[in-house]
Amino acid sequence: MTSATLAHADAAARLRVAVARLTRHLRQTAPGERTLSPWSALVTVETQAPVRIGDLAEREGVSAATATRLVASLEERGLVARETVLRARRSSRVSLTPAGRAKLDWARRRRTERLAQRLSTLTDDEVRRLLDALPVLETLVDE
């Protein structure tokens, strides 16, 4: 490995650990859920709606049966609505309900508040450096 490659590998490892720890910390603020799956599914439904359950399963990396159970649970709680596709009666599409949108908005506010609390413990210089790094991180995510 070249020194540049070693430096990239070291940076990648440190970044991966930091992002994983931050993600875990934010997940702990997921109100009322033991797993992230319902939250992730709600976000996918929000961004892809109306979405077929098979497409939701693919995007979430779960089986169709798991996605069907997840949708049934979310539907039971009034967070999503399922509509049957007329030309393919065995197929249905899922959309977010107003209650689902409100729940997502609430969870996002809580996570943002929690992260803002953590940021408030940093020095002004640390916050500035973090803000300077955000465009680079956003570029990594967008690629």
C-alpha atoms as a PDB file:
ATOM      1  CA  MET A   1       0.000   0.000   0.000  1.00  0.00           C
ATOM      2  CA  THR A   2       1.165   3.490  -0.738  1.00  0.00           C
ATOM      3  CA  SER A   3       1.269   6.073   2.033  1.00  0.00           C
ATOM      4  CA  ALA A   4      -1.728   7.857   0.462  1.00  0.00           C
ATOM      5  CA  THR A   5      -3.681   4.603   0.486  1.00  0.00           C
ATOM      6  CA  LEU A   6      -2.715   3.968   4.114  1.00  0.00           C
ATOM      7  CA  ALA A   7      -3.808   7.485   5.041  1.00  0.00           C
ATOM      8  CA  HIS A   8      -7.133   6.961   3.246  1.00  0.00           C
ATOM      9  CA  ALA A   9      -7.643   3.599   4.945  1.00  0.00           C
ATOM     10  CA  ASP A  10      -6.916   5.119   8.352  1.00  0.00           C
ATOM     11  CA  ALA A  11      -9.267   8.045   7.682  1.00  0.00           C
ATOM     12  CA  ALA A  12     -11.959   5.653   6.433  1.00  0.00           C
ATOM     13  CA  ALA A  13     -11.679   3.492   9.549  1.00  0.00           C
ATOM     14  CA  ARG A  14     -11.850   6.470  11.907  1.00  0.00           C
ATOM     15  CA  LEU A  15     -14.756   7.996   9.995  1.00  0.00           C
ATOM     16  CA  ARG A  16     -16.649   4.685   9.945  1.00  0.00           C
ATOM     17  CA  VAL A  17     -16.311   4.295  13.721  1.00  0.00           C
ATOM     18  CA  ALA A  18     -17.304   7.905  14.423  1.00  0.00           C
ATOM     19  CA  VAL A  19     -20.337   7.744  12.127  1.00  0.00           C
ATOM     20  CA  ALA A  20     -21.409   4.377  13.591  1.00  0.00           C
ATOM     21  CA  ARG A  21     -21.161   5.696  17.151  1.00  0.00           C
ATOM     22  CA  LEU A  22     -23.053   8.882  16.273  1.00  0.00           C
ATOM     23  CA  THR A  23     -25.725   6.859  14.462  1.00  0.00           C
ATOM     24  CA  ARG A  24     -26.072   4.528  17.457  1.00  0.00           C
ATOM     25  CA  HIS A  25     -26.409   7.538  19.756  1.00  0.00           C
ATOM     26  CA  LEU A  26     -29.147   9.041  17.563  1.00  0.00           C
ATOM     27  CA  ARG A  27     -30.925   5.688  17.300  1.00  0.00           C
ATOM     28  CA  GLN A  28     -31.187   5.600  21.067  1.00  0.00           C
ATOM     29  CA  THR A  29     -33.431   8.625  20.776  1.00  0.00           C
ATOM     30  CA  ALA A  30     -35.938   6.717  18.598  1.00  0.00           C
ATOM     31  CA  PRO A  31     -38.982   7.113  20.819  1.00  0.00           C
ATOM     32  CA  GLY A  32     -41.055   4.038  21.539  1.00  0.00           C
ATOM     33  CA  GLU A  33     -39.214   1.648  19.231  1.00  0.00           C
ATOM     34  CA  ARG A  34     -36.812  -1.159  19.983  1.00  0.00           C
ATOM     35  CA  THR A  35     -35.494  -1.359  16.443  1.00  0.00           C
ATOM     36  CA  LEU A  36     -34.826   1.125  13.705  1.00  0.00           C
ATOM     37  CA  SER A  37     -36.802  -0.822  11.067  1.00  0.00           C
ATOM     38  CA  PRO A  38     -40.123   1.008  11.552  1.00  0.00           C
ATOM     39  CA  TRP A  39     -38.421   4.396  11.346  1.00  0.00           C
ATOM     40  CA  SER A  40     -36.438   3.449   8.288  1.00  0.00           C
ATOM     41  CA  ALA A  41     -39.542   2.047   6.590  1.00  0.00           C
ATOM     42  CA  LEU A  42     -41.503   5.223   7.365  1.00  0.00           C
ATOM     43  CA  VAL A  43     -38.778   7.362   5.797  1.00  0.00           C
ATOM     44  CA  THR A  44     -38.708   5.133   2.725  1.00  0.00           C
ATOM     45  CA  VAL A  45     -42.486   5.339   2.404  1.00  0.00           C
ATOM     46  CA  GLU A  46     -42.280   9.110   2.820  1.00  0.00           C
ATOM     47  CA  THR A  47     -39.687   9.548   0.088  1.00  0.00           C
ATOM     48  CA  GLN A  48     -40.991   6.916  -2.352  1.00  0.00           C
ATOM     49  CA  ALA A  49     -44.772   7.083  -1.811  1.00  0.00           C
ATOM     50  CA  PRO A  50     -46.785   5.508  -3.019  1.00  0.00           C
ATOM     51  CA  VAL A  51     -44.463   2.499  -2.825  1.00  0.00           C
ATOM     52  CA  ARG A  52     -45.204  -1.152  -3.516  1.00  0.00           C
ATOM     53  CA  ILE A  53     -44.430  -3.471  -0.609  1.00  0.00           C
ATOM     54  CA  GLY A  54     -41.985  -5.425  -2.782  1.00  0.00           C
ATOM     55  CA  ASP A  55     -40.096  -2.225  -3.584  1.00  0.00           C
ATOM     56  CA  LEU A  56     -40.112  -1.280   0.095  1.00  0.00           C
ATOM     57  CA  ALA A  57     -38.661  -4.708   0.934  1.00  0.00           C
ATOM     58  CA  GLU A  58     -35.920  -4.257  -1.638  1.00  0.00           C
ATOM     59  CA  ARG A  59     -35.018  -0.756  -0.448  1.00  0.00           C
ATOM     60  CA  GLU A  60     -34.972  -1.853   3.193  1.00  0.00           C
ATOM     61  CA  GLY A  61     -33.019  -5.036   2.472  1.00  0.00           C
ATOM     62  CA  VAL A  62     -35.628  -7.365   3.944  1.00  0.00           C
ATOM     63  CA  SER A  63     -37.820 -10.146   2.591  1.00  0.00           C
ATOM     64  CA  ALA A  64     -41.246  -9.382   1.148  1.00  0.00           C
ATOM     65  CA  ALA A  65     -42.814 -11.250   4.088  1.00  0.00           C
ATOM     66  CA  THR A  66     -40.934  -9.081   6.584  1.00  0.00           C
ATOM     67  CA  ALA A  67     -41.934  -5.908   4.735  1.00  0.00           C
ATOM     68  CA  THR A  68     -45.570  -7.084   4.700  1.00  0.00           C
ATOM     69  CA  ARG A  69     -45.498  -7.622   8.489  1.00  0.00           C
ATOM     70  CA  LEU A  70     -43.813  -4.263   8.993  1.00  0.00           C
ATOM     71  CA  VAL A  71     -46.420  -2.477   6.860  1.00  0.00           C
ATOM     72  CA  ALA A  72     -49.225  -4.281   8.720  1.00  0.00           C
ATOM     73  CA  SER A  73     -47.788  -3.077  12.031  1.00  0.00           C
ATOM     74  CA  LEU A  74     -47.423   0.504  10.782  1.00  0.00           C
ATOM     75  CA  GLU A  75     -50.906   0.398   9.282  1.00  0.00           C
ATOM     76  CA  GLU A  76     -52.358  -0.909  12.553  1.00  0.00           C
ATOM     77  CA  ARG A  77     -50.821   2.086  14.321  1.00  0.00           C
ATOM     78  CA  GLY A  78     -52.275   4.471  11.733  1.00  0.00           C
ATOM     79  CA  LEU A  79     -48.886   5.557  10.390  1.00  0.00           C
ATOM     80  CA  VAL A  80     -49.302   4.282   6.822  1.00  0.00           C
ATOM     81  CA  ALA A  81     -52.241   3.545   4.540  1.00  0.00           C
ATOM     82  CA  ARG A  82     -52.342   0.706   2.065  1.00  0.00           C
ATOM     83  CA  GLU A  83     -54.255   0.924  -1.206  1.00  0.00           C
ATOM     84  CA  THR A  84     -54.820  -1.987  -3.560  1.00  0.00           C
ATOM     85  CA  VAL A  85     -53.644  -1.525  -7.121  1.00  0.00           C
ATOM     86  CA  LEU A  86     -56.766  -2.093  -9.240  1.00  0.00           C
ATOM     87  CA  ARG A  87     -55.125  -3.825 -12.185  1.00  0.00           C
ATOM     88  CA  ALA A  88     -53.121  -6.164  -9.942  1.00  0.00           C
ATOM     89  CA  ARG A  89     -55.319  -7.027  -6.987  1.00  0.00           C
ATOM     90  CA  ARG A  90     -52.549  -8.853  -5.141  1.00  0.00           C
ATOM     91  CA  SER A  91     -50.409  -5.734  -5.257  1.00  0.00           C
ATOM     92  CA  SER A  92     -50.775  -2.767  -2.989  1.00  0.00           C
ATOM     93  CA  ARG A  93     -49.063   0.553  -2.490  1.00  0.00           C
ATOM     94  CA  VAL A  94     -48.266   2.209   0.788  1.00  0.00           C
ATOM     95  CA  SER A  95     -48.359   5.903   1.642  1.00  0.00           C
ATOM     96  CA  LEU A  96     -47.701   7.881   4.782  1.00  0.00           C
ATOM     97  CA  THR A  97     -50.738   9.077   6.725  1.00  0.00           C
ATOM     98  CA  PRO A  98     -50.853  12.485   8.408  1.00  0.00           C
ATOM     99  CA  ALA A  99     -50.206  10.656  11.707  1.00  0.00           C
ATOM    100  CA  GLY A 100     -47.162   8.960  10.154  1.00  0.00           C
ATOM    101  CA  ARG A 101     -45.828  12.289   8.921  1.00  0.00           C
ATOM    102  CA  ALA A 102     -46.384  13.833  12.357  1.00  0.00           C
ATOM    103  CA  LYS A 103     -44.565  10.926  14.036  1.00  0.00           C
ATOM    104  CA  LEU A 104     -41.595  11.300  11.678  1.00  0.00           C
ATOM    105  CA  ASP A 105     -41.486  15.061  12.209  1.00  0.00           C
ATOM    106  CA  TRP A 106     -41.589  14.554  15.976  1.00  0.00           C
ATOM    107  CA  ALA A 107     -38.806  11.965  15.903  1.00  0.00           C
ATOM    108  CA  ARG A 108     -36.657  14.187  13.702  1.00  0.00           C
ATOM    109  CA  ARG A 109     -37.140  17.119  16.066  1.00  0.00           C
ATOM    110  CA  ARG A 110     -36.135  14.946  19.028  1.00  0.00           C
ATOM    111  CA  ARG A 111     -33.016  13.673  17.300  1.00  0.00           C
ATOM    112  CA  THR A 112     -32.066  17.179  16.171  1.00  0.00           C
ATOM    113  CA  GLU A 113     -32.538  18.485  19.715  1.00  0.00           C
ATOM    114  CA  ARG A 114     -30.390  15.656  21.087  1.00  0.00           C
ATOM    115  CA  LEU A 115     -27.649  16.334  18.555  1.00  0.00           C
ATOM    116  CA  ALA A 116     -27.843  20.093  19.212  1.00  0.00           C
ATOM    117  CA  GLN A 117     -27.365  19.343  22.914  1.00  0.00           C
ATOM    118  CA  ARG A 118     -24.232  17.386  22.119  1.00  0.00           C
ATOM    119  CA  LEU A 119     -22.957  20.126  19.801  1.00  0.00           C
ATOM    120  CA  SER A 120     -23.432  22.691  22.567  1.00  0.00           C
ATOM    121  CA  THR A 121     -20.683  20.943  24.545  1.00  0.00           C
ATOM    122  CA  LEU A 122     -18.144  21.706  21.801  1.00  0.00           C
ATOM    123  CA  THR A 123     -16.028  24.818  21.590  1.00  0.00           C
ATOM    124  CA  ASP A 124     -16.794  27.444  18.946  1.00  0.00           C
ATOM    125  CA  ASP A 125     -13.689  26.331  17.055  1.00  0.00           C
ATOM    126  CA  GLU A 126     -14.802  22.669  17.120  1.00  0.00           C
ATOM    127  CA  VAL A 127     -18.254  23.611  15.811  1.00  0.00           C
ATOM    128  CA  ARG A 128     -16.683  25.718  13.049  1.00  0.00           C
ATOM    129  CA  ARG A 129     -14.404  22.802  12.024  1.00  0.00           C
ATOM    130  CA  LEU A 130     -17.353  20.447  12.018  1.00  0.00           C
ATOM    131  CA  LEU A 131     -19.373  22.835   9.853  1.00  0.00           C
ATOM    132  CA  ASP A 132     -16.399  23.200   7.500  1.00  0.00           C
ATOM    133  CA  ALA A 133     -16.327  19.391   7.092  1.00  0.00           C
ATOM    134  CA  LEU A 134     -20.067  19.028   6.365  1.00  0.00           C
ATOM    135  CA  PRO A 135     -19.860  19.727   2.601  1.00  0.00           C
ATOM    136  CA  VAL A 136     -17.234  16.993   2.291  1.00  0.00           C
ATOM    137  CA  LEU A 137     -19.375  14.530   4.237  1.00  0.00           C
ATOM    138  CA  GLU A 138     -22.416  15.456   2.154  1.00  0.00           C
ATOM    139  CA  THR A 139     -20.381  14.774  -1.000  1.00  0.00           C
ATOM    140  CA  LEU A 140     -19.526  11.286   0.303  1.00  0.00           C
ATOM    141  CA  VAL A 141     -23.201  10.579   0.974  1.00  0.00           C
ATOM    142  CA  ASP A 142     -24.419  11.926  -2.377  1.00  0.00           C
ATOM    143  CA  GLU A 143     -22.086   9.807  -4.497  1.00  0.00           C
END
